[in-house]
């Protein structure tokens, strides 16, 4: 899934729950979703590592599989 800036439609790369638009110089908050059930994931942070957990029975989700969508405002 490609994330685009809501203002200029530039393609964005997610980093640590945020995507930055160089064109607009704006940060867009992102929400992590489970690739199986598309529900929000619990973000677990410890010792510098970030992990994602699905509370709907899918367990730990790899960072590579997480679906990021723009967070509701």
N, C-alpha and C. Protein backbone atom coordinates (compact mmCIF):
# COMPACT_ATOMS: atom_id res chain seq x y z
N UNK A 1 0.84 -1.18 0.00
CA UNK A 1 0.00 0.00 0.00
C UNK A 1 0.89 1.24 0.00
N UNK A 2 0.62 2.16 -0.91
CA UNK A 2 1.39 3.39 -1.01
C UNK A 2 0.71 4.48 -0.21
N UNK A 3 1.50 5.22 0.54
CA UNK A 3 0.98 6.33 1.32
C UNK A 3 1.31 7.62 0.58
N UNK A 4 0.31 8.47 0.39
CA UNK A 4 0.53 9.74 -0.30
C UNK A 4 0.13 10.90 0.59
N UNK A 5 0.76 12.04 0.32
CA UNK A 5 0.44 13.27 1.06
C UNK A 5 -0.98 13.70 0.69
N UNK A 6 -1.81 14.04 1.68
CA UNK A 6 -3.19 14.45 1.38
C UNK A 6 -3.26 15.79 0.65
N UNK A 7 -2.19 16.60 0.72
CA UNK A 7 -2.20 17.91 0.08
C UNK A 7 -1.63 17.90 -1.33
N UNK A 8 -0.41 17.31 -1.51
CA UNK A 8 0.25 17.38 -2.82
C UNK A 8 0.31 16.03 -3.53
N UNK A 9 -0.15 14.96 -2.90
CA UNK A 9 -0.17 13.60 -3.46
C UNK A 9 1.21 12.99 -3.70
N UNK A 10 2.26 13.53 -3.08
CA UNK A 10 3.60 12.95 -3.19
C UNK A 10 3.64 11.63 -2.44
N UNK A 11 4.42 10.67 -2.94
CA UNK A 11 4.58 9.38 -2.29
C UNK A 11 5.44 9.54 -1.04
N UNK A 12 5.00 8.93 0.07
CA UNK A 12 5.68 9.07 1.36
C UNK A 12 6.17 7.72 1.86
N UNK A 13 7.26 7.74 2.62
CA UNK A 13 7.80 6.53 3.25
C UNK A 13 7.54 6.60 4.75
N UNK A 14 6.92 5.57 5.35
CA UNK A 14 6.68 5.59 6.79
C UNK A 14 7.97 5.35 7.58
N UNK A 15 8.14 6.11 8.67
CA UNK A 15 9.26 5.93 9.58
C UNK A 15 8.78 6.20 10.99
N UNK A 16 8.80 5.17 11.83
CA UNK A 16 8.43 5.29 13.24
C UNK A 16 7.04 5.90 13.45
N UNK A 17 6.08 5.47 12.68
CA UNK A 17 4.71 5.91 12.87
C UNK A 17 4.38 7.27 12.28
N UNK A 18 5.31 7.83 11.50
CA UNK A 18 5.09 9.14 10.89
C UNK A 18 5.63 9.10 9.46
N UNK A 19 5.00 9.83 8.57
CA UNK A 19 5.52 10.00 7.21
C UNK A 19 5.74 11.49 7.01
N UNK A 20 6.89 11.85 6.45
CA UNK A 20 7.22 13.27 6.26
C UNK A 20 7.14 13.61 4.78
N UNK A 21 6.42 14.68 4.45
CA UNK A 21 6.34 15.17 3.08
C UNK A 21 7.37 16.28 2.90
N UNK A 22 8.35 16.03 2.03
CA UNK A 22 9.39 17.03 1.76
C UNK A 22 8.80 18.23 1.02
N UNK A 23 7.83 18.00 0.14
CA UNK A 23 7.24 19.09 -0.65
C UNK A 23 6.49 20.08 0.24
N UNK A 24 5.69 19.58 1.17
CA UNK A 24 4.87 20.43 2.05
C UNK A 24 5.57 20.73 3.38
N UNK A 25 6.69 20.03 3.65
CA UNK A 25 7.40 20.14 4.92
C UNK A 25 6.44 19.87 6.09
N UNK A 26 5.71 18.76 5.97
CA UNK A 26 4.66 18.42 6.92
C UNK A 26 4.80 16.95 7.34
N UNK A 27 4.54 16.67 8.62
CA UNK A 27 4.53 15.30 9.12
C UNK A 27 3.09 14.79 9.17
N UNK A 28 2.89 13.56 8.71
CA UNK A 28 1.58 12.94 8.72
C UNK A 28 1.63 11.74 9.65
N UNK A 29 0.81 11.75 10.70
CA UNK A 29 0.76 10.64 11.66
C UNK A 29 0.15 9.42 10.97
N UNK A 30 0.73 8.26 11.26
CA UNK A 30 0.26 7.01 10.66
C UNK A 30 -0.24 6.06 11.73
N UNK A 31 -1.19 5.22 11.34
CA UNK A 31 -1.71 4.19 12.23
C UNK A 31 -1.32 2.83 11.66
N UNK A 32 -0.79 1.95 12.52
CA UNK A 32 -0.40 0.60 12.11
C UNK A 32 -1.62 -0.31 12.15
N UNK A 33 -1.83 -1.06 11.05
CA UNK A 33 -2.96 -1.98 10.96
C UNK A 33 -2.49 -3.39 10.64
N UNK A 34 -3.22 -4.37 11.12
CA UNK A 34 -2.92 -5.78 10.87
C UNK A 34 -3.20 -6.11 9.40
N UNK A 35 -2.27 -6.80 8.72
CA UNK A 35 -2.51 -7.16 7.32
C UNK A 35 -3.57 -8.25 7.15
N UNK A 36 -3.91 -8.95 8.23
CA UNK A 36 -4.91 -10.02 8.16
C UNK A 36 -6.33 -9.50 8.39
N UNK A 37 -6.53 -8.76 9.49
CA UNK A 37 -7.88 -8.32 9.86
C UNK A 37 -8.09 -6.82 9.70
N UNK A 38 -7.03 -6.08 9.37
CA UNK A 38 -7.08 -4.63 9.12
C UNK A 38 -7.53 -3.81 10.33
N UNK A 39 -7.35 -4.37 11.53
CA UNK A 39 -7.66 -3.66 12.76
C UNK A 39 -6.38 -2.99 13.28
N UNK A 40 -6.52 -1.93 14.10
CA UNK A 40 -5.34 -1.26 14.66
C UNK A 40 -4.48 -2.22 15.48
N UNK A 41 -3.17 -2.05 15.38
CA UNK A 41 -2.23 -2.88 16.12
C UNK A 41 -1.76 -2.16 17.37
N UNK A 42 -1.44 -2.95 18.39
CA UNK A 42 -0.82 -2.41 19.60
C UNK A 42 0.66 -2.26 19.29
N UNK A 43 1.22 -1.07 19.59
CA UNK A 43 2.63 -0.81 19.36
C UNK A 43 3.38 -1.06 20.66
N UNK A 44 4.37 -1.95 20.61
CA UNK A 44 5.17 -2.30 21.77
C UNK A 44 6.57 -1.74 21.59
N UNK A 45 7.00 -0.89 22.53
CA UNK A 45 8.34 -0.30 22.44
C UNK A 45 9.14 -0.70 23.67
N UNK A 46 10.33 -1.27 23.44
CA UNK A 46 11.21 -1.67 24.55
C UNK A 46 12.65 -1.74 24.05
N UNK A 47 13.54 -1.17 24.81
CA UNK A 47 14.98 -1.24 24.52
C UNK A 47 15.31 -0.76 23.10
N UNK A 48 14.60 0.24 22.62
CA UNK A 48 14.87 0.78 21.29
C UNK A 48 14.20 0.04 20.15
N UNK A 49 13.57 -1.09 20.44
CA UNK A 49 12.90 -1.87 19.39
C UNK A 49 11.41 -1.54 19.38
N UNK A 50 10.82 -1.61 18.20
CA UNK A 50 9.38 -1.39 18.05
C UNK A 50 8.78 -2.66 17.46
N UNK A 51 7.78 -3.22 18.13
CA UNK A 51 7.09 -4.41 17.66
C UNK A 51 5.60 -4.11 17.58
N UNK A 52 4.89 -4.91 16.78
CA UNK A 52 3.46 -4.71 16.59
C UNK A 52 2.73 -5.99 16.95
N UNK A 53 1.62 -5.85 17.69
CA UNK A 53 0.87 -6.99 18.18
C UNK A 53 -0.60 -6.83 17.83
N UNK A 54 -1.17 -7.86 17.22
CA UNK A 54 -2.60 -7.87 16.90
C UNK A 54 -3.35 -8.52 18.05
N UNK A 55 -4.28 -7.80 18.63
CA UNK A 55 -5.06 -8.30 19.75
C UNK A 55 -6.26 -9.14 19.29
N UNK A 56 -6.38 -9.34 17.97
CA UNK A 56 -7.50 -10.10 17.43
C UNK A 56 -7.09 -11.51 17.02
N UNK A 57 -6.01 -12.03 17.64
CA UNK A 57 -5.64 -13.42 17.41
C UNK A 57 -4.52 -13.66 16.41
N UNK A 58 -3.96 -12.61 15.82
CA UNK A 58 -2.90 -12.81 14.84
C UNK A 58 -1.50 -12.65 15.42
N UNK A 59 -1.40 -12.32 16.71
CA UNK A 59 -0.12 -12.27 17.41
C UNK A 59 0.82 -11.18 16.94
N UNK A 60 2.13 -11.44 17.07
CA UNK A 60 3.14 -10.48 16.65
C UNK A 60 3.15 -10.36 15.13
N UNK A 61 3.24 -9.13 14.65
CA UNK A 61 3.24 -8.86 13.21
C UNK A 61 4.59 -8.24 12.85
N UNK A 62 5.24 -8.78 11.85
CA UNK A 62 6.52 -8.26 11.38
C UNK A 62 6.35 -6.83 10.86
N UNK A 63 7.36 -5.99 11.10
CA UNK A 63 7.33 -4.61 10.61
C UNK A 63 7.14 -4.56 9.10
N UNK A 64 7.65 -5.55 8.40
CA UNK A 64 7.54 -5.59 6.94
C UNK A 64 6.11 -5.85 6.48
N UNK A 65 5.30 -6.46 7.34
CA UNK A 65 3.92 -6.81 6.97
C UNK A 65 2.89 -5.79 7.44
N UNK A 66 3.27 -4.89 8.32
CA UNK A 66 2.33 -3.92 8.88
C UNK A 66 1.80 -3.01 7.77
N UNK A 67 0.50 -2.75 7.79
CA UNK A 67 -0.11 -1.79 6.87
C UNK A 67 -0.21 -0.46 7.60
N UNK A 68 0.36 0.58 7.02
CA UNK A 68 0.26 1.91 7.61
C UNK A 68 -0.75 2.73 6.82
N UNK A 69 -1.63 3.39 7.56
CA UNK A 69 -2.61 4.29 6.94
C UNK A 69 -2.55 5.62 7.69
N UNK A 70 -2.93 6.72 7.03
CA UNK A 70 -2.96 8.00 7.76
C UNK A 70 -3.93 7.90 8.94
N UNK A 71 -3.49 8.39 10.09
CA UNK A 71 -4.32 8.35 11.31
C UNK A 71 -5.47 9.33 11.18
N UNK A 72 -6.58 8.98 11.82
CA UNK A 72 -7.74 9.88 11.84
C UNK A 72 -7.37 11.15 12.59
N UNK A 73 -7.84 12.25 12.10
CA UNK A 73 -7.51 13.54 12.74
C UNK A 73 -8.42 13.85 13.86
